[in-house]
């Protein structure tokens, strides 16, 4: 697990180098917290695989590379893991959970570790100030931002959270966010 500590530090430095300190604070640290909460309930999961997924799943965003979030993220994760001396078998497992973590295009995680990563990622969006931080970037007008948030939190809650205990942990916050970002058009 020493490599995990090194990769965590590397990810923090990568966020800082790309002007995404907020992303580290608001998203990645919250994904870690959520993953650790889930791992307590699911001790048979491979903790190393999950934590590699935590730190490497958003490399496409962190490195600001245009294109498919999950596919590019998996390719970038492979490069990082090779740099840290991981074996090809472990790299392929991590790439697979990164490819499926967004649960889009009918691609859902197949492994327990993949389901944990997808769930922790979704939980982090709902439990942290993720949406407030994105709103602060000012890249969307209020109406389109609200529409985007509503679609994203509903997908996170309905498609990405694989464990009933995890849904229960965030249900109250999910309802509050839906009320907060509800448009005047009855969404």
N, C-alpha and C. Protein backbone atom coordinates (compact mmCIF):
# COMPACT_ATOMS: atom_id res chain seq x y z
N UNK A 1 0.82 -1.21 0.00
CA UNK A 1 0.00 0.00 0.00
C UNK A 1 0.86 1.27 0.00
N UNK A 2 2.17 1.13 0.14
CA UNK A 2 3.04 2.31 0.07
C UNK A 2 2.91 3.00 -1.28
N UNK A 3 2.70 2.21 -2.34
CA UNK A 3 2.53 2.82 -3.66
C UNK A 3 1.26 3.67 -3.70
N UNK A 4 0.24 3.24 -2.98
CA UNK A 4 -1.01 4.00 -2.94
C UNK A 4 -0.76 5.38 -2.33
N UNK A 5 0.01 5.42 -1.27
CA UNK A 5 0.34 6.71 -0.64
C UNK A 5 1.10 7.60 -1.63
N UNK A 6 2.01 6.99 -2.37
CA UNK A 6 2.77 7.75 -3.37
C UNK A 6 1.86 8.25 -4.49
N UNK A 7 0.94 7.40 -4.93
CA UNK A 7 0.02 7.80 -6.00
C UNK A 7 -0.94 8.87 -5.50
N UNK A 8 -1.37 8.78 -4.26
CA UNK A 8 -2.23 9.83 -3.69
C UNK A 8 -1.50 11.17 -3.72
N UNK A 9 -0.25 11.18 -3.30
CA UNK A 9 0.53 12.42 -3.33
C UNK A 9 0.72 12.90 -4.77
N UNK A 10 0.98 11.98 -5.67
CA UNK A 10 1.14 12.31 -7.09
C UNK A 10 -0.15 12.95 -7.62
N UNK A 11 -1.31 12.37 -7.27
CA UNK A 11 -2.60 12.91 -7.74
C UNK A 11 -2.84 14.32 -7.20
N UNK A 12 -2.49 14.53 -5.94
CA UNK A 12 -2.63 15.87 -5.35
C UNK A 12 -1.75 16.87 -6.10
N UNK A 13 -0.52 16.49 -6.37
CA UNK A 13 0.40 17.36 -7.11
C UNK A 13 -0.10 17.61 -8.53
N UNK A 14 -0.66 16.60 -9.16
CA UNK A 14 -1.20 16.72 -10.53
C UNK A 14 -2.37 17.72 -10.54
N UNK A 15 -3.24 17.63 -9.54
CA UNK A 15 -4.35 18.59 -9.43
C UNK A 15 -3.82 20.01 -9.27
N UNK A 16 -2.86 20.18 -8.38
CA UNK A 16 -2.28 21.51 -8.14
C UNK A 16 -1.61 22.06 -9.39
N UNK A 17 -0.89 21.22 -10.09
CA UNK A 17 -0.17 21.66 -11.30
C UNK A 17 -1.13 22.11 -12.40
N UNK A 18 -2.36 21.59 -12.38
CA UNK A 18 -3.34 21.94 -13.40
C UNK A 18 -4.39 22.92 -12.90
N UNK A 19 -4.10 23.58 -11.78
CA UNK A 19 -5.03 24.58 -11.25
C UNK A 19 -6.32 24.01 -10.72
N UNK A 20 -6.28 22.75 -10.26
CA UNK A 20 -7.49 22.09 -9.78
C UNK A 20 -7.38 21.69 -8.31
N UNK A 21 -6.82 22.57 -7.51
CA UNK A 21 -6.77 22.30 -6.08
C UNK A 21 -8.15 22.08 -5.49
N UNK A 22 -9.14 22.81 -5.99
CA UNK A 22 -10.52 22.64 -5.52
C UNK A 22 -11.02 21.22 -5.80
N UNK A 23 -10.62 20.66 -6.95
CA UNK A 23 -11.07 19.32 -7.34
C UNK A 23 -10.51 18.29 -6.37
N UNK A 24 -9.25 18.48 -5.98
CA UNK A 24 -8.63 17.61 -4.97
C UNK A 24 -9.41 17.67 -3.66
N UNK A 25 -9.64 18.90 -3.19
CA UNK A 25 -10.29 19.10 -1.90
C UNK A 25 -11.75 18.64 -1.90
N UNK A 26 -12.48 19.04 -2.92
CA UNK A 26 -13.93 18.84 -2.94
C UNK A 26 -14.33 17.47 -3.48
N UNK A 27 -13.57 16.94 -4.43
CA UNK A 27 -13.98 15.68 -5.04
C UNK A 27 -13.12 14.49 -4.62
N UNK A 28 -11.85 14.50 -4.93
CA UNK A 28 -11.04 13.29 -4.71
C UNK A 28 -10.95 12.89 -3.24
N UNK A 29 -10.79 13.85 -2.35
CA UNK A 29 -10.74 13.49 -0.93
C UNK A 29 -12.09 12.94 -0.45
N UNK A 30 -13.17 13.44 -1.01
CA UNK A 30 -14.50 12.92 -0.66
C UNK A 30 -14.72 11.53 -1.24
N UNK A 31 -14.23 11.27 -2.45
CA UNK A 31 -14.32 9.92 -3.03
C UNK A 31 -13.57 8.94 -2.12
N UNK A 32 -12.39 9.35 -1.66
CA UNK A 32 -11.62 8.50 -0.74
C UNK A 32 -12.43 8.20 0.52
N UNK A 33 -12.99 9.22 1.11
CA UNK A 33 -13.78 9.06 2.34
C UNK A 33 -14.96 8.10 2.11
N UNK A 34 -15.66 8.28 1.01
CA UNK A 34 -16.81 7.42 0.70
C UNK A 34 -16.35 5.98 0.44
N UNK A 35 -15.27 5.82 -0.30
CA UNK A 35 -14.75 4.48 -0.59
C UNK A 35 -14.37 3.77 0.70
N UNK A 36 -13.72 4.47 1.60
CA UNK A 36 -13.32 3.86 2.88
C UNK A 36 -14.55 3.47 3.70
N UNK A 37 -15.59 4.26 3.67
CA UNK A 37 -16.84 3.93 4.36
C UNK A 37 -17.43 2.65 3.79
N UNK A 38 -17.45 2.54 2.48
CA UNK A 38 -18.00 1.36 1.81
C UNK A 38 -17.13 0.13 2.10
N UNK A 39 -15.82 0.31 2.05
CA UNK A 39 -14.91 -0.81 2.29
C UNK A 39 -15.07 -1.41 3.68
N UNK A 40 -15.45 -0.61 4.65
CA UNK A 40 -15.71 -1.14 6.00
C UNK A 40 -16.85 -2.14 5.95
N UNK A 41 -17.86 -1.83 5.17
CA UNK A 41 -19.04 -2.71 5.05
C UNK A 41 -18.78 -3.90 4.12
N UNK A 42 -17.80 -3.77 3.23
CA UNK A 42 -17.51 -4.81 2.24
C UNK A 42 -16.03 -5.21 2.32
N UNK A 43 -15.63 -5.85 3.40
CA UNK A 43 -14.20 -6.12 3.63
C UNK A 43 -13.57 -7.11 2.65
N UNK A 44 -14.34 -7.82 1.88
CA UNK A 44 -13.77 -8.78 0.92
C UNK A 44 -13.23 -8.09 -0.34
N UNK A 45 -13.57 -6.85 -0.52
CA UNK A 45 -13.10 -6.11 -1.70
C UNK A 45 -11.59 -5.90 -1.63
N UNK A 46 -10.98 -5.80 -2.79
CA UNK A 46 -9.54 -5.54 -2.88
C UNK A 46 -9.33 -4.04 -2.67
N UNK A 47 -8.85 -3.68 -1.49
CA UNK A 47 -8.70 -2.27 -1.11
C UNK A 47 -7.72 -1.53 -2.02
N UNK A 48 -6.66 -2.21 -2.43
CA UNK A 48 -5.67 -1.56 -3.29
C UNK A 48 -6.29 -1.18 -4.63
N UNK A 49 -7.04 -2.08 -5.23
CA UNK A 49 -7.70 -1.80 -6.51
C UNK A 49 -8.65 -0.61 -6.35
N UNK A 50 -9.44 -0.61 -5.29
CA UNK A 50 -10.40 0.48 -5.07
C UNK A 50 -9.66 1.81 -4.92
N UNK A 51 -8.61 1.83 -4.11
CA UNK A 51 -7.90 3.09 -3.88
C UNK A 51 -7.16 3.56 -5.13
N UNK A 52 -6.65 2.64 -5.93
CA UNK A 52 -6.07 3.06 -7.22
C UNK A 52 -7.14 3.71 -8.08
N UNK A 53 -8.32 3.14 -8.08
CA UNK A 53 -9.44 3.73 -8.81
C UNK A 53 -9.79 5.12 -8.29
N UNK A 54 -9.79 5.26 -6.98
CA UNK A 54 -10.10 6.57 -6.36
C UNK A 54 -9.17 7.64 -6.90
N UNK A 55 -7.87 7.38 -6.87
CA UNK A 55 -6.89 8.42 -7.22
C UNK A 55 -6.71 8.61 -8.72
N UNK A 56 -7.09 7.60 -9.52
CA UNK A 56 -6.79 7.68 -10.95
C UNK A 56 -8.03 7.80 -11.85
N UNK A 57 -9.24 7.71 -11.31
CA UNK A 57 -10.43 7.64 -12.15
C UNK A 57 -10.74 8.92 -12.92
N UNK A 58 -10.25 10.05 -12.48
CA UNK A 58 -10.59 11.31 -13.14
C UNK A 58 -9.40 11.98 -13.83
N UNK A 59 -8.44 11.20 -14.28
CA UNK A 59 -7.25 11.79 -14.90
C UNK A 59 -7.55 12.57 -16.18
N UNK A 60 -8.56 12.18 -16.90
CA UNK A 60 -8.94 12.94 -18.10
C UNK A 60 -9.33 14.36 -17.71
N UNK A 61 -10.08 14.51 -16.63
CA UNK A 61 -10.49 15.83 -16.17
C UNK A 61 -9.31 16.59 -15.56
N UNK A 62 -8.54 15.89 -14.73
CA UNK A 62 -7.41 16.54 -14.05
C UNK A 62 -6.39 17.06 -15.06
N UNK A 63 -6.14 16.28 -16.09
CA UNK A 63 -5.16 16.67 -17.10
C UNK A 63 -5.77 17.52 -18.22
N UNK A 64 -7.08 17.76 -18.12
CA UNK A 64 -7.80 18.61 -19.08
C UNK A 64 -7.62 18.14 -20.52
N UNK A 65 -7.81 16.84 -20.73
CA UNK A 65 -7.68 16.24 -22.05
C UNK A 65 -9.07 16.12 -22.65
N UNK A 66 -9.27 16.62 -23.86
CA UNK A 66 -10.56 16.52 -24.53
C UNK A 66 -10.84 15.06 -24.88
N UNK A 67 -12.14 14.72 -24.86
CA UNK A 67 -12.53 13.38 -25.29
C UNK A 67 -13.26 12.61 -24.21
N UNK A 68 -13.44 11.33 -24.47
CA UNK A 68 -14.20 10.45 -23.59
C UNK A 68 -13.56 10.34 -22.21
N UNK A 69 -14.31 10.75 -21.21
CA UNK A 69 -13.82 10.80 -19.83
C UNK A 69 -13.27 9.46 -19.35
N UNK A 70 -14.03 8.41 -19.52
CA UNK A 70 -13.63 7.11 -18.98
C UNK A 70 -12.53 6.45 -19.80
N UNK A 71 -12.64 6.50 -21.11
CA UNK A 71 -11.61 5.86 -21.96
C UNK A 71 -10.25 6.54 -21.80
N UNK A 72 -10.25 7.85 -21.86
CA UNK A 72 -8.98 8.58 -21.71
C UNK A 72 -8.45 8.41 -20.29
N UNK A 73 -9.34 8.43 -19.31
CA UNK A 73 -8.93 8.23 -17.93
C UNK A 73 -8.26 6.88 -17.72
N UNK A 74 -8.78 5.85 -18.37
CA UNK A 74 -8.19 4.51 -18.25
C UNK A 74 -6.80 4.46 -18.89
N UNK A 75 -6.64 5.09 -20.04
CA UNK A 75 -5.34 5.14 -20.72
C UNK A 75 -4.32 5.89 -19.87
N UNK A 76 -4.74 7.02 -19.32
CA UNK A 76 -3.84 7.82 -18.47
C UNK A 76 -3.49 7.06 -17.19
N UNK A 77 -4.45 6.35 -16.62
CA UNK A 77 -4.19 5.55 -15.41
C UNK A 77 -3.17 4.47 -15.69
N UNK A 78 -3.26 3.86 -16.86
CA UNK A 78 -2.28 2.83 -17.24
C UNK A 78 -0.87 3.41 -17.24
N UNK A 79 -0.72 4.58 -17.81
CA UNK A 79 0.60 5.23 -17.86
C UNK A 79 1.15 5.47 -16.45
N UNK A 80 0.29 5.96 -15.57
CA UNK A 80 0.72 6.24 -14.20
C UNK A 80 1.10 4.95 -13.48
N UNK A 81 0.26 3.94 -13.62
CA UNK A 81 0.54 2.67 -12.93
C UNK A 81 1.82 2.02 -13.45
N UNK A 82 2.07 2.13 -14.74
CA UNK A 82 3.33 1.61 -15.28
C UNK A 82 4.52 2.34 -14.66
N UNK A 83 4.39 3.65 -14.55
CA UNK A 83 5.44 4.47 -13.94
C UNK A 83 5.74 4.02 -12.51
N UNK A 84 4.71 3.58 -11.79
CA UNK A 84 4.87 3.13 -10.41
C UNK A 84 5.15 1.63 -10.30
N UNK A 85 5.37 0.96 -11.44
CA UNK A 85 5.80 -0.43 -11.42
C UNK A 85 4.73 -1.47 -11.21
N UNK A 86 3.47 -1.16 -11.51
CA UNK A 86 2.41 -2.15 -11.38
C UNK A 86 2.47 -3.17 -12.51
N UNK A 87 2.08 -4.39 -12.22
CA UNK A 87 2.05 -5.46 -13.21
C UNK A 87 0.86 -5.27 -14.15
N UNK A 88 0.98 -5.76 -15.39
CA UNK A 88 -0.10 -5.59 -16.38
C UNK A 88 -1.45 -6.12 -15.91
N UNK A 89 -1.46 -7.20 -15.15
CA UNK A 89 -2.74 -7.78 -14.69
C UNK A 89 -3.50 -6.79 -13.79
N UNK A 90 -2.79 -6.15 -12.88
CA UNK A 90 -3.41 -5.20 -11.97
C UNK A 90 -3.83 -3.94 -12.74
N UNK A 91 -3.01 -3.53 -13.68
CA UNK A 91 -3.34 -2.35 -14.50
C UNK A 91 -4.65 -2.59 -15.24
N UNK A 92 -4.83 -3.78 -15.81
CA UNK A 92 -6.05 -4.07 -16.56
C UNK A 92 -7.29 -4.03 -15.67
N UNK A 93 -7.16 -4.52 -14.45
CA UNK A 93 -8.30 -4.50 -13.52
C UNK A 93 -8.68 -3.05 -13.20
N UNK A 94 -7.69 -2.22 -12.93
CA UNK A 94 -7.96 -0.81 -12.61
C UNK A 94 -8.55 -0.09 -13.83
N UNK A 95 -8.01 -0.36 -15.00
CA UNK A 95 -8.55 0.26 -16.21
C UNK A 95 -10.02 -0.12 -16.39
N UNK A 96 -10.36 -1.36 -16.11
CA UNK A 96 -11.75 -1.82 -16.26
C UNK A 96 -12.69 -1.06 -15.32
N UNK A 97 -12.27 -0.85 -14.07
CA UNK A 97 -13.18 -0.14 -13.15
C UNK A 97 -13.28 1.34 -13.51
N UNK A 98 -12.22 1.90 -14.06
CA UNK A 98 -12.27 3.30 -14.50
C UNK A 98 -13.17 3.43 -15.73
N UNK A 99 -13.06 2.50 -16.66
CA UNK A 99 -13.91 2.54 -17.86
C UNK A 99 -15.39 2.51 -17.52
N UNK A 100 -15.76 1.82 -16.45
CA UNK A 100 -17.17 1.64 -16.12
C UNK A 100 -17.67 2.56 -15.00
N UNK A 101 -16.81 3.40 -14.42
CA UNK A 101 -17.22 4.12 -13.21
C UNK A 101 -18.32 5.16 -13.43
N UNK A 102 -18.51 5.63 -14.65
CA UNK A 102 -19.57 6.62 -14.91
C UNK A 102 -20.91 5.98 -15.21
N UNK A 103 -20.92 4.67 -15.44
CA UNK A 103 -22.16 3.92 -15.70
C UNK A 103 -22.94 4.54 -16.87
N UNK A 104 -22.23 4.88 -17.94
CA UNK A 104 -22.84 5.46 -19.12
C UNK A 104 -22.77 4.49 -20.29
N UNK A 105 -23.64 4.73 -21.26
CA UNK A 105 -23.66 3.92 -22.49
C UNK A 105 -23.81 2.44 -22.19
N UNK A 106 -24.67 2.12 -21.24
CA UNK A 106 -24.93 0.73 -20.83
C UNK A 106 -23.68 -0.01 -20.36
N UNK A 107 -22.68 0.72 -19.93
CA UNK A 107 -21.47 0.12 -19.38
C UNK A 107 -21.51 0.29 -17.87
N UNK A 108 -21.69 -0.82 -17.18
CA UNK A 108 -21.75 -0.79 -15.71
C UNK A 108 -20.62 -1.66 -15.15
N UNK A 109 -20.16 -1.34 -13.97
CA UNK A 109 -19.09 -2.14 -13.35
C UNK A 109 -19.54 -3.58 -13.13
N UNK A 110 -18.62 -4.49 -13.36
CA UNK A 110 -18.91 -5.92 -13.19
C UNK A 110 -18.38 -6.47 -11.87
N UNK A 111 -17.35 -5.83 -11.35
CA UNK A 111 -16.70 -6.34 -10.15
C UNK A 111 -17.15 -5.56 -8.91
N UNK A 112 -16.93 -6.15 -7.76
CA UNK A 112 -17.23 -5.47 -6.51
C UNK A 112 -16.45 -4.17 -6.41
N UNK A 113 -15.18 -4.22 -6.78
CA UNK A 113 -14.33 -3.03 -6.71
C UNK A 113 -14.84 -1.93 -7.65
N UNK A 114 -15.29 -2.32 -8.83
CA UNK A 114 -15.85 -1.35 -9.76
C UNK A 114 -17.13 -0.71 -9.23
N UNK A 115 -17.96 -1.52 -8.60
CA UNK A 115 -19.20 -1.00 -8.02
C UNK A 115 -18.89 -0.06 -6.86
N UNK A 116 -17.85 -0.38 -6.09
CA UNK A 116 -17.47 0.50 -4.99
C UNK A 116 -16.98 1.84 -5.53
N UNK A 117 -16.14 1.82 -6.57
CA UNK A 117 -15.65 3.08 -7.15
C UNK A 117 -16.81 3.92 -7.69
N UNK A 118 -17.70 3.31 -8.47
CA UNK A 118 -18.84 4.06 -9.03
C UNK A 118 -19.70 4.65 -7.91
N UNK A 119 -19.95 3.86 -6.89
CA UNK A 119 -20.78 4.31 -5.77
C UNK A 119 -20.10 5.45 -5.01
N UNK A 120 -18.82 5.30 -4.70
CA UNK A 120 -18.09 6.34 -3.96
C UNK A 120 -18.03 7.63 -4.77
N UNK A 121 -17.83 7.52 -6.08
CA UNK A 121 -17.80 8.70 -6.95
C UNK A 121 -19.16 9.42 -6.90
N UNK A 122 -20.24 8.66 -7.04
CA UNK A 122 -21.58 9.26 -7.00
C UNK A 122 -21.87 9.88 -5.64
N UNK A 123 -21.54 9.15 -4.58
CA UNK A 123 -21.78 9.67 -3.23
C UNK A 123 -21.03 10.99 -3.02
N UNK A 124 -19.81 11.05 -3.52
CA UNK A 124 -18.99 12.25 -3.31
C UNK A 124 -19.63 13.47 -3.96
N UNK A 125 -20.25 13.28 -5.12
CA UNK A 125 -20.91 14.40 -5.80
C UNK A 125 -22.03 14.96 -4.93
N UNK A 126 -22.72 14.07 -4.25
CA UNK A 126 -23.90 14.46 -3.47
C UNK A 126 -23.53 14.96 -2.07
N UNK A 127 -22.50 14.37 -1.46
CA UNK A 127 -22.16 14.71 -0.08
C UNK A 127 -21.26 15.93 0.07
N UNK A 128 -20.53 16.28 -0.98
CA UNK A 128 -19.57 17.38 -0.88
C UNK A 128 -20.16 18.67 -1.48
N UNK A 129 -19.33 19.68 -1.56
CA UNK A 129 -19.71 20.93 -2.22
C UNK A 129 -19.35 20.92 -3.70
N UNK A 130 -19.34 19.76 -4.29
CA UNK A 130 -18.96 19.56 -5.69
C UNK A 130 -19.71 20.50 -6.63
N UNK A 131 -21.03 20.54 -6.49
CA UNK A 131 -21.82 21.37 -7.41
C UNK A 131 -21.62 22.86 -7.17
N UNK A 132 -21.43 23.24 -5.93
CA UNK A 132 -21.14 24.66 -5.64
C UNK A 132 -19.80 25.07 -6.23
N UNK A 133 -18.81 24.18 -6.12
CA UNK A 133 -17.49 24.47 -6.69
C UNK A 133 -17.57 24.61 -8.21
N UNK A 134 -18.33 23.75 -8.85
CA UNK A 134 -18.48 23.84 -10.31
C UNK A 134 -19.26 25.10 -10.68
N UNK A 135 -20.29 25.43 -9.91
CA UNK A 135 -21.04 26.67 -10.17
C UNK A 135 -20.13 27.88 -10.09
N UNK A 136 -19.19 27.84 -9.16
CA UNK A 136 -18.28 28.98 -8.97
C UNK A 136 -17.36 29.20 -10.17
N UNK A 137 -17.20 28.19 -11.02
CA UNK A 137 -16.37 28.37 -12.21
C UNK A 137 -17.06 29.27 -13.23
N UNK A 138 -18.40 29.37 -13.13
CA UNK A 138 -19.15 30.25 -14.02
C UNK A 138 -19.18 29.83 -15.48
N UNK A 139 -18.99 28.55 -15.75
CA UNK A 139 -18.95 28.08 -17.14
C UNK A 139 -20.34 27.83 -17.74
N UNK A 140 -21.38 27.85 -16.91
CA UNK A 140 -22.74 27.65 -17.39
C UNK A 140 -23.63 28.74 -16.81
N UNK A 141 -24.67 29.10 -17.57
CA UNK A 141 -25.66 30.02 -17.00
C UNK A 141 -26.51 29.23 -16.00
N UNK A 142 -27.25 29.92 -15.15
CA UNK A 142 -27.99 29.29 -14.06
C UNK A 142 -28.97 28.22 -14.56
N UNK A 143 -29.69 28.52 -15.63
CA UNK A 143 -30.70 27.57 -16.12
C UNK A 143 -30.05 26.28 -16.62
N UNK A 144 -29.02 26.39 -17.43
CA UNK A 144 -28.39 25.18 -17.95
C UNK A 144 -27.64 24.44 -16.85
N UNK A 145 -27.10 25.18 -15.87
CA UNK A 145 -26.42 24.54 -14.74
C UNK A 145 -27.41 23.69 -13.94
N UNK A 146 -28.56 24.27 -13.62
CA UNK A 146 -29.57 23.53 -12.86
C UNK A 146 -30.01 22.27 -13.60
N UNK A 147 -30.22 22.39 -14.89
CA UNK A 147 -30.63 21.23 -15.69
C UNK A 147 -29.55 20.15 -15.66
N UNK A 148 -28.30 20.56 -15.82
CA UNK A 148 -27.18 19.62 -15.78
C UNK A 148 -27.08 18.93 -14.42
N UNK A 149 -27.19 19.70 -13.34
CA UNK A 149 -27.10 19.14 -11.99
C UNK A 149 -28.22 18.13 -11.75
N UNK A 150 -29.43 18.48 -12.11
CA UNK A 150 -30.56 17.57 -11.88
C UNK A 150 -30.35 16.24 -12.62
N UNK A 151 -29.90 16.32 -13.84
CA UNK A 151 -29.65 15.10 -14.61
C UNK A 151 -28.54 14.28 -13.95
N UNK A 152 -27.48 14.95 -13.54
CA UNK A 152 -26.33 14.26 -12.96
C UNK A 152 -26.66 13.63 -11.61
N UNK A 153 -27.33 14.36 -10.72
CA UNK A 153 -27.61 13.77 -9.41
C UNK A 153 -28.61 12.62 -9.52
N UNK A 154 -29.55 12.72 -10.47
CA UNK A 154 -30.48 11.61 -10.66
C UNK A 154 -29.77 10.38 -11.21
N UNK A 155 -28.86 10.57 -12.16
CA UNK A 155 -28.09 9.43 -12.69
C UNK A 155 -27.21 8.85 -11.60
N UNK A 156 -26.55 9.72 -10.83
CA UNK A 156 -25.71 9.24 -9.73
C UNK A 156 -26.53 8.39 -8.77
N UNK A 157 -27.66 8.89 -8.35
CA UNK A 157 -28.46 8.21 -7.34
C UNK A 157 -29.10 6.92 -7.87
N UNK A 158 -29.59 6.97 -9.09
CA UNK A 158 -30.34 5.83 -9.62
C UNK A 158 -29.47 4.77 -10.31
N UNK A 159 -28.38 5.20 -10.94
CA UNK A 159 -27.58 4.25 -11.73
C UNK A 159 -26.22 3.90 -11.15
N UNK A 160 -25.64 4.78 -10.34
CA UNK A 160 -24.25 4.57 -9.91
C UNK A 160 -24.10 4.08 -8.47
N UNK A 161 -25.14 4.13 -7.70
CA UNK A 161 -25.03 3.67 -6.31
C UNK A 161 -25.58 2.25 -6.25
N UNK A 162 -24.67 1.31 -6.02
CA UNK A 162 -24.99 -0.11 -6.13
C UNK A 162 -25.36 -0.78 -4.81
N UNK A 163 -25.25 -0.06 -3.71
CA UNK A 163 -25.47 -0.68 -2.41
C UNK A 163 -26.56 0.07 -1.66
N UNK A 164 -27.61 -0.63 -1.22
CA UNK A 164 -28.70 0.04 -0.50
C UNK A 164 -28.23 0.84 0.72
N UNK A 165 -27.24 0.34 1.45
CA UNK A 165 -26.76 1.08 2.63
C UNK A 165 -26.15 2.41 2.21
N UNK A 166 -25.53 2.46 1.04
CA UNK A 166 -24.93 3.71 0.55
C UNK A 166 -26.02 4.69 0.15
N UNK A 167 -27.07 4.20 -0.51
CA UNK A 167 -28.19 5.07 -0.87
C UNK A 167 -28.81 5.68 0.37
N UNK A 168 -28.92 4.86 1.40
CA UNK A 168 -29.52 5.34 2.65
C UNK A 168 -28.67 6.46 3.27
N UNK A 169 -27.35 6.32 3.16
CA UNK A 169 -26.44 7.33 3.73
C UNK A 169 -26.59 8.70 3.07
N UNK A 170 -26.97 8.72 1.81
CA UNK A 170 -27.03 10.00 1.10
C UNK A 170 -28.44 10.45 0.75
N UNK A 171 -29.44 9.66 1.07
CA UNK A 171 -30.82 9.95 0.64
C UNK A 171 -31.29 11.34 1.04
N UNK A 172 -31.04 11.73 2.27
CA UNK A 172 -31.50 13.04 2.74
C UNK A 172 -30.83 14.18 1.96
N UNK A 173 -29.55 14.06 1.74
CA UNK A 173 -28.82 15.10 1.00
C UNK A 173 -29.26 15.12 -0.47
N UNK A 174 -29.53 13.95 -1.04
CA UNK A 174 -30.02 13.85 -2.42
C UNK A 174 -31.33 14.64 -2.57
N UNK A 175 -32.25 14.41 -1.65
CA UNK A 175 -33.55 15.10 -1.69
C UNK A 175 -33.34 16.61 -1.55
N UNK A 176 -32.45 17.01 -0.65
CA UNK A 176 -32.18 18.44 -0.44
C UNK A 176 -31.59 19.08 -1.70
N UNK A 177 -30.68 18.37 -2.36
CA UNK A 177 -30.10 18.91 -3.60
C UNK A 177 -31.15 19.02 -4.70
N UNK A 178 -32.02 18.05 -4.79
CA UNK A 178 -33.09 18.11 -5.80
C UNK A 178 -33.98 19.34 -5.55
N UNK A 179 -34.26 19.60 -4.31
CA UNK A 179 -35.08 20.78 -3.99
C UNK A 179 -34.33 22.07 -4.32
N UNK A 180 -33.05 22.10 -3.97
CA UNK A 180 -32.24 23.29 -4.20
C UNK A 180 -32.11 23.62 -5.69
N UNK A 181 -31.88 22.61 -6.51
CA UNK A 181 -31.61 22.86 -7.92
C UNK A 181 -32.82 22.68 -8.83
N UNK A 182 -33.97 22.43 -8.25
CA UNK A 182 -35.19 22.26 -9.05
C UNK A 182 -35.45 23.53 -9.84
N UNK A 183 -35.74 23.35 -11.11
CA UNK A 183 -36.04 24.52 -11.95
C UNK A 183 -37.49 24.91 -11.75
N UNK A 184 -37.86 26.02 -12.29
CA UNK A 184 -39.24 26.49 -12.19
C UNK A 184 -40.17 25.77 -13.16
N UNK A 185 -39.62 24.80 -13.87
CA UNK A 185 -40.41 24.10 -14.89
C UNK A 185 -40.82 22.71 -14.42
N UNK A 186 -40.78 22.46 -13.12
CA UNK A 186 -41.31 21.23 -12.57
C UNK A 186 -40.40 20.02 -12.64
N UNK A 187 -39.12 20.17 -12.76
CA UNK A 187 -38.22 19.00 -12.79
C UNK A 187 -38.23 18.28 -11.48
